[in-house]
Amino acid sequence: SDPYVRNEAIRVLGESGGDGQLLTQRLIPLLVDENAMVNASTLAALGYIGPEASAAVPALKTMLSTSPNVNVARALWQIEGRSESVLPFYLSILENPDLKSGAYRPAYKAIQELDDVAEEVVPVLIEVLKSEPKKGYAYIMRLREAMETLAAFGSSAKSALPELERIASSDQRHLVKQAAAAIEEIESSIN
């Protein structure tokens, strides 16, 4: 059948507010659909269903280990609510300096939503800030997202202040304002 029709049906099912467990049973087979749009809609619908979609957790964990992507991790987080299930995946994205700029933002945004992860994430973000300067948009966006995430952690990110101060006083004009804003946010949450 037409993937656009399947996609719309999945969206409606996910938002219908019906029996989450029954909907989940109908959605699980669509996780392996050959159409990427159908997969993304299925993951979104399962995430929208939330904890009632717990029957999908084993399949999602398998998907995250065999073909990791942000949509799988997000659905798993929305269903399980367990940071430890998805944090290693997100950290692997943050630690990879060779991804395209669009790959970082969803991971950084997702990390900001996780509970009690600053202790594990802040050291990784400090290493991102220390990374060898490169030319190009991806490098700049990677560091900006790291600084925004540190700012979101507030006082839990105070160990990043020396590195942020180094960047704020550097000649990296594309990063100076973001570093200063992160410093201000972290310092205001300490006081």
Protein backbone atom coordinates (compact mmCIF):
# COMPACT_ATOMS: atom_id res chain seq x y z
CA SER A 1 0.00 0.00 0.00
CA ASP A 2 0.93 3.65 -0.41
CA PRO A 3 3.49 4.79 2.22
CA TYR A 4 1.80 8.19 2.47
CA VAL A 5 -1.49 6.51 3.39
CA ARG A 6 0.30 4.27 5.93
CA ASN A 7 2.08 7.30 7.33
CA GLU A 8 -1.16 9.24 7.82
CA ALA A 9 -2.84 6.19 9.38
CA ILE A 10 0.02 5.84 11.85
CA ARG A 11 -0.18 9.52 12.77
CA VAL A 12 -3.92 9.26 13.42
CA LEU A 13 -3.48 6.05 15.43
CA GLY A 14 -0.78 7.59 17.59
CA GLU A 15 -2.84 10.69 18.34
CA SER A 16 -6.18 8.91 18.76
CA GLY A 17 -5.93 8.46 22.49
CA GLY A 18 -7.25 4.90 22.24
CA ASP A 19 -6.01 1.82 24.02
CA GLY A 20 -2.24 2.37 24.01
CA GLN A 21 -1.40 -1.30 24.42
CA LEU A 22 -3.59 -2.34 21.49
CA LEU A 23 -2.22 0.47 19.31
CA THR A 24 1.30 -0.59 20.22
CA GLN A 25 0.65 -4.14 19.05
CA ARG A 26 -0.52 -2.75 15.71
CA LEU A 27 2.45 -0.40 15.42
CA ILE A 28 5.32 -2.75 16.33
CA PRO A 29 5.31 -4.56 12.94
CA LEU A 30 5.66 -1.18 11.20
CA LEU A 31 9.02 -0.57 12.89
CA VAL A 32 10.60 -2.68 10.15
CA ASP A 33 8.71 -1.10 7.24
CA GLU A 34 11.01 -0.37 4.30
CA ASN A 35 9.77 3.22 4.06
CA ALA A 36 11.72 5.66 6.26
CA MET A 37 8.73 7.98 6.59
CA VAL A 38 6.59 5.13 7.92
CA ASN A 39 9.36 4.19 10.40
CA ALA A 40 9.65 7.77 11.65
CA SER A 41 5.87 8.08 12.06
CA THR A 42 5.71 4.75 13.89
CA LEU A 43 8.43 5.85 16.29
CA ALA A 44 6.70 9.18 16.89
CA ALA A 45 3.37 7.44 17.52
CA LEU A 46 4.94 5.01 19.99
CA GLY A 47 6.63 7.89 21.78
CA TYR A 48 3.33 9.76 21.90
CA ILE A 49 1.62 6.71 23.44
CA GLY A 50 4.32 6.73 26.11
CA PRO A 51 4.55 4.15 28.91
CA GLU A 52 1.57 2.20 27.58
CA ALA A 53 3.78 1.31 24.59
CA SER A 54 6.18 -0.67 26.80
CA ALA A 55 5.69 -3.78 24.64
CA ALA A 56 7.75 -1.99 21.98
CA VAL A 57 10.77 -1.51 24.27
CA PRO A 58 12.61 -4.74 23.32
CA ALA A 59 12.27 -3.95 19.60
CA LEU A 60 13.40 -0.35 20.16
CA LYS A 61 16.45 -1.45 22.17
CA THR A 62 17.39 -3.85 19.39
CA MET A 63 16.97 -1.10 16.81
CA LEU A 64 19.08 1.30 18.88
CA SER A 65 21.90 -1.24 19.06
CA THR A 66 21.78 -2.37 15.42
CA SER A 67 20.81 0.77 13.51
CA PRO A 68 20.99 3.66 15.94
CA ASN A 69 19.15 6.87 15.24
CA VAL A 70 17.78 9.78 17.21
CA ASN A 71 14.13 8.91 16.51
CA VAL A 72 14.55 5.45 18.03
CA ALA A 73 16.28 6.87 21.11
CA ARG A 74 13.61 9.54 21.54
CA ALA A 75 10.76 7.01 21.34
CA LEU A 76 12.53 4.76 23.82
CA TRP A 77 13.00 7.69 26.23
CA GLN A 78 9.35 8.74 25.89
CA ILE A 79 8.17 5.20 26.65
CA GLU A 80 10.65 4.16 29.34
CA GLY A 81 11.74 7.45 30.81
CA ARG A 82 15.12 5.90 31.67
CA SER A 83 18.15 8.03 30.84
CA GLU A 84 20.51 5.07 31.06
CA SER A 85 18.79 3.43 28.10
CA VAL A 86 19.58 6.24 25.69
CA LEU A 87 22.45 8.26 27.15
CA PRO A 88 25.25 6.06 25.72
CA PHE A 89 23.80 6.56 22.23
CA TYR A 90 23.58 10.33 22.63
CA LEU A 91 27.09 10.53 24.07
CA SER A 92 28.44 8.63 21.06
CA ILE A 93 27.04 11.38 18.84
CA LEU A 94 28.55 14.14 20.97
CA GLU A 95 31.95 12.45 20.98
CA ASN A 96 32.05 12.06 17.18
CA PRO A 97 33.63 15.18 15.63
CA ASP A 98 33.04 14.03 12.06
CA LEU A 99 29.26 14.15 11.78
CA LYS A 100 27.37 16.70 9.73
CA SER A 101 26.04 19.65 11.70
CA GLY A 102 22.42 18.46 11.54
CA ALA A 103 23.25 15.28 13.47
CA TYR A 104 24.25 17.09 16.64
CA ARG A 105 21.26 19.31 17.40
CA PRO A 106 18.70 16.53 18.06
CA ALA A 107 21.16 14.77 20.37
CA TYR A 108 21.94 17.93 22.32
CA LYS A 109 18.25 18.80 22.63
CA ALA A 110 17.41 15.29 23.80
CA ILE A 111 20.18 15.32 26.40
CA GLN A 112 18.74 18.53 27.84
CA GLU A 113 15.48 16.64 28.47
CA LEU A 114 17.08 13.70 30.28
CA ASP A 115 17.06 13.55 34.07
CA ASP A 116 20.19 13.59 36.21
CA VAL A 117 22.76 13.21 33.45
CA ALA A 118 24.90 16.32 33.98
CA GLU A 119 27.55 14.42 35.93
CA GLU A 120 28.15 12.14 32.94
CA VAL A 121 27.55 14.66 30.16
CA VAL A 122 29.46 17.76 31.34
CA PRO A 123 32.94 16.13 31.04
CA VAL A 124 32.10 15.05 27.49
CA LEU A 125 30.95 18.57 26.63
CA ILE A 126 34.14 20.04 28.08
CA GLU A 127 36.13 17.75 25.77
CA VAL A 128 33.98 18.94 22.85
CA LEU A 129 34.90 22.53 23.74
CA LYS A 130 38.59 21.58 23.90
CA SER A 131 38.49 19.95 20.47
CA GLU A 132 40.90 21.15 17.83
CA PRO A 133 39.43 24.18 16.03
CA LYS A 134 38.27 23.40 12.54
CA LYS A 135 36.91 25.48 9.75
CA GLY A 136 33.35 24.99 8.78
CA TYR A 137 29.80 25.19 9.88
CA ALA A 138 29.65 21.73 11.49
CA TYR A 139 32.45 22.56 13.95
CA ILE A 140 30.87 25.87 14.94
CA MET A 141 27.42 24.34 15.41
CA ARG A 142 28.83 21.44 17.42
CA LEU A 143 30.47 23.84 19.87
CA ARG A 144 27.47 26.17 20.01
CA GLU A 145 25.18 23.25 20.84
CA ALA A 146 27.62 22.08 23.51
CA MET A 147 27.63 25.55 25.08
CA GLU A 148 23.84 25.78 24.95
CA THR A 149 23.58 22.40 26.68
CA LEU A 150 26.06 23.43 29.36
CA ALA A 151 24.01 26.58 29.96
CA ALA A 152 20.87 24.45 30.29
CA PHE A 153 22.60 22.38 32.99
CA GLY A 154 23.17 25.57 34.99
CA SER A 155 25.20 25.16 38.18
CA SER A 156 25.81 21.48 37.38
CA ALA A 157 28.09 22.70 34.57
CA LYS A 158 30.29 24.99 36.67
CA SER A 159 33.33 22.79 35.93
CA ALA A 160 33.04 23.96 32.30
CA LEU A 161 33.52 27.64 33.20
CA PRO A 162 37.31 27.72 32.58
CA GLU A 163 36.89 26.30 29.09
CA LEU A 164 33.96 28.61 28.33
CA GLU A 165 36.03 31.57 29.53
CA ARG A 166 38.88 30.52 27.24
CA ILE A 167 36.51 30.52 24.27
CA ALA A 168 34.85 33.80 25.31
CA SER A 169 38.24 35.52 25.25
CA SER A 170 39.43 33.82 22.05
CA ASP A 171 39.50 35.03 18.47
CA GLN A 172 36.80 32.51 17.49
CA ARG A 173 34.30 35.26 16.72
CA HIS A 174 31.50 32.82 15.84
CA LEU A 175 31.67 31.34 19.34
CA VAL A 176 32.49 34.25 21.67
CA LYS A 177 28.89 35.42 22.23
CA GLN A 178 27.59 31.89 22.82
CA ALA A 179 30.38 31.24 25.34
CA ALA A 180 29.64 34.49 27.18
CA ALA A 181 25.92 33.65 27.30
CA ALA A 182 26.65 30.17 28.68
CA ILE A 183 28.94 31.64 31.34
CA GLU A 184 26.26 34.12 32.36
CA GLU A 185 23.60 31.40 32.58
CA ILE A 186 25.80 29.05 34.62
CA GLU A 187 27.01 31.78 36.97
CA SER A 188 23.49 33.10 37.56
CA SER A 189 22.33 29.62 38.58
CA ILE A 190 25.22 29.27 41.05
CA ASN A 191 24.30 32.41 42.96
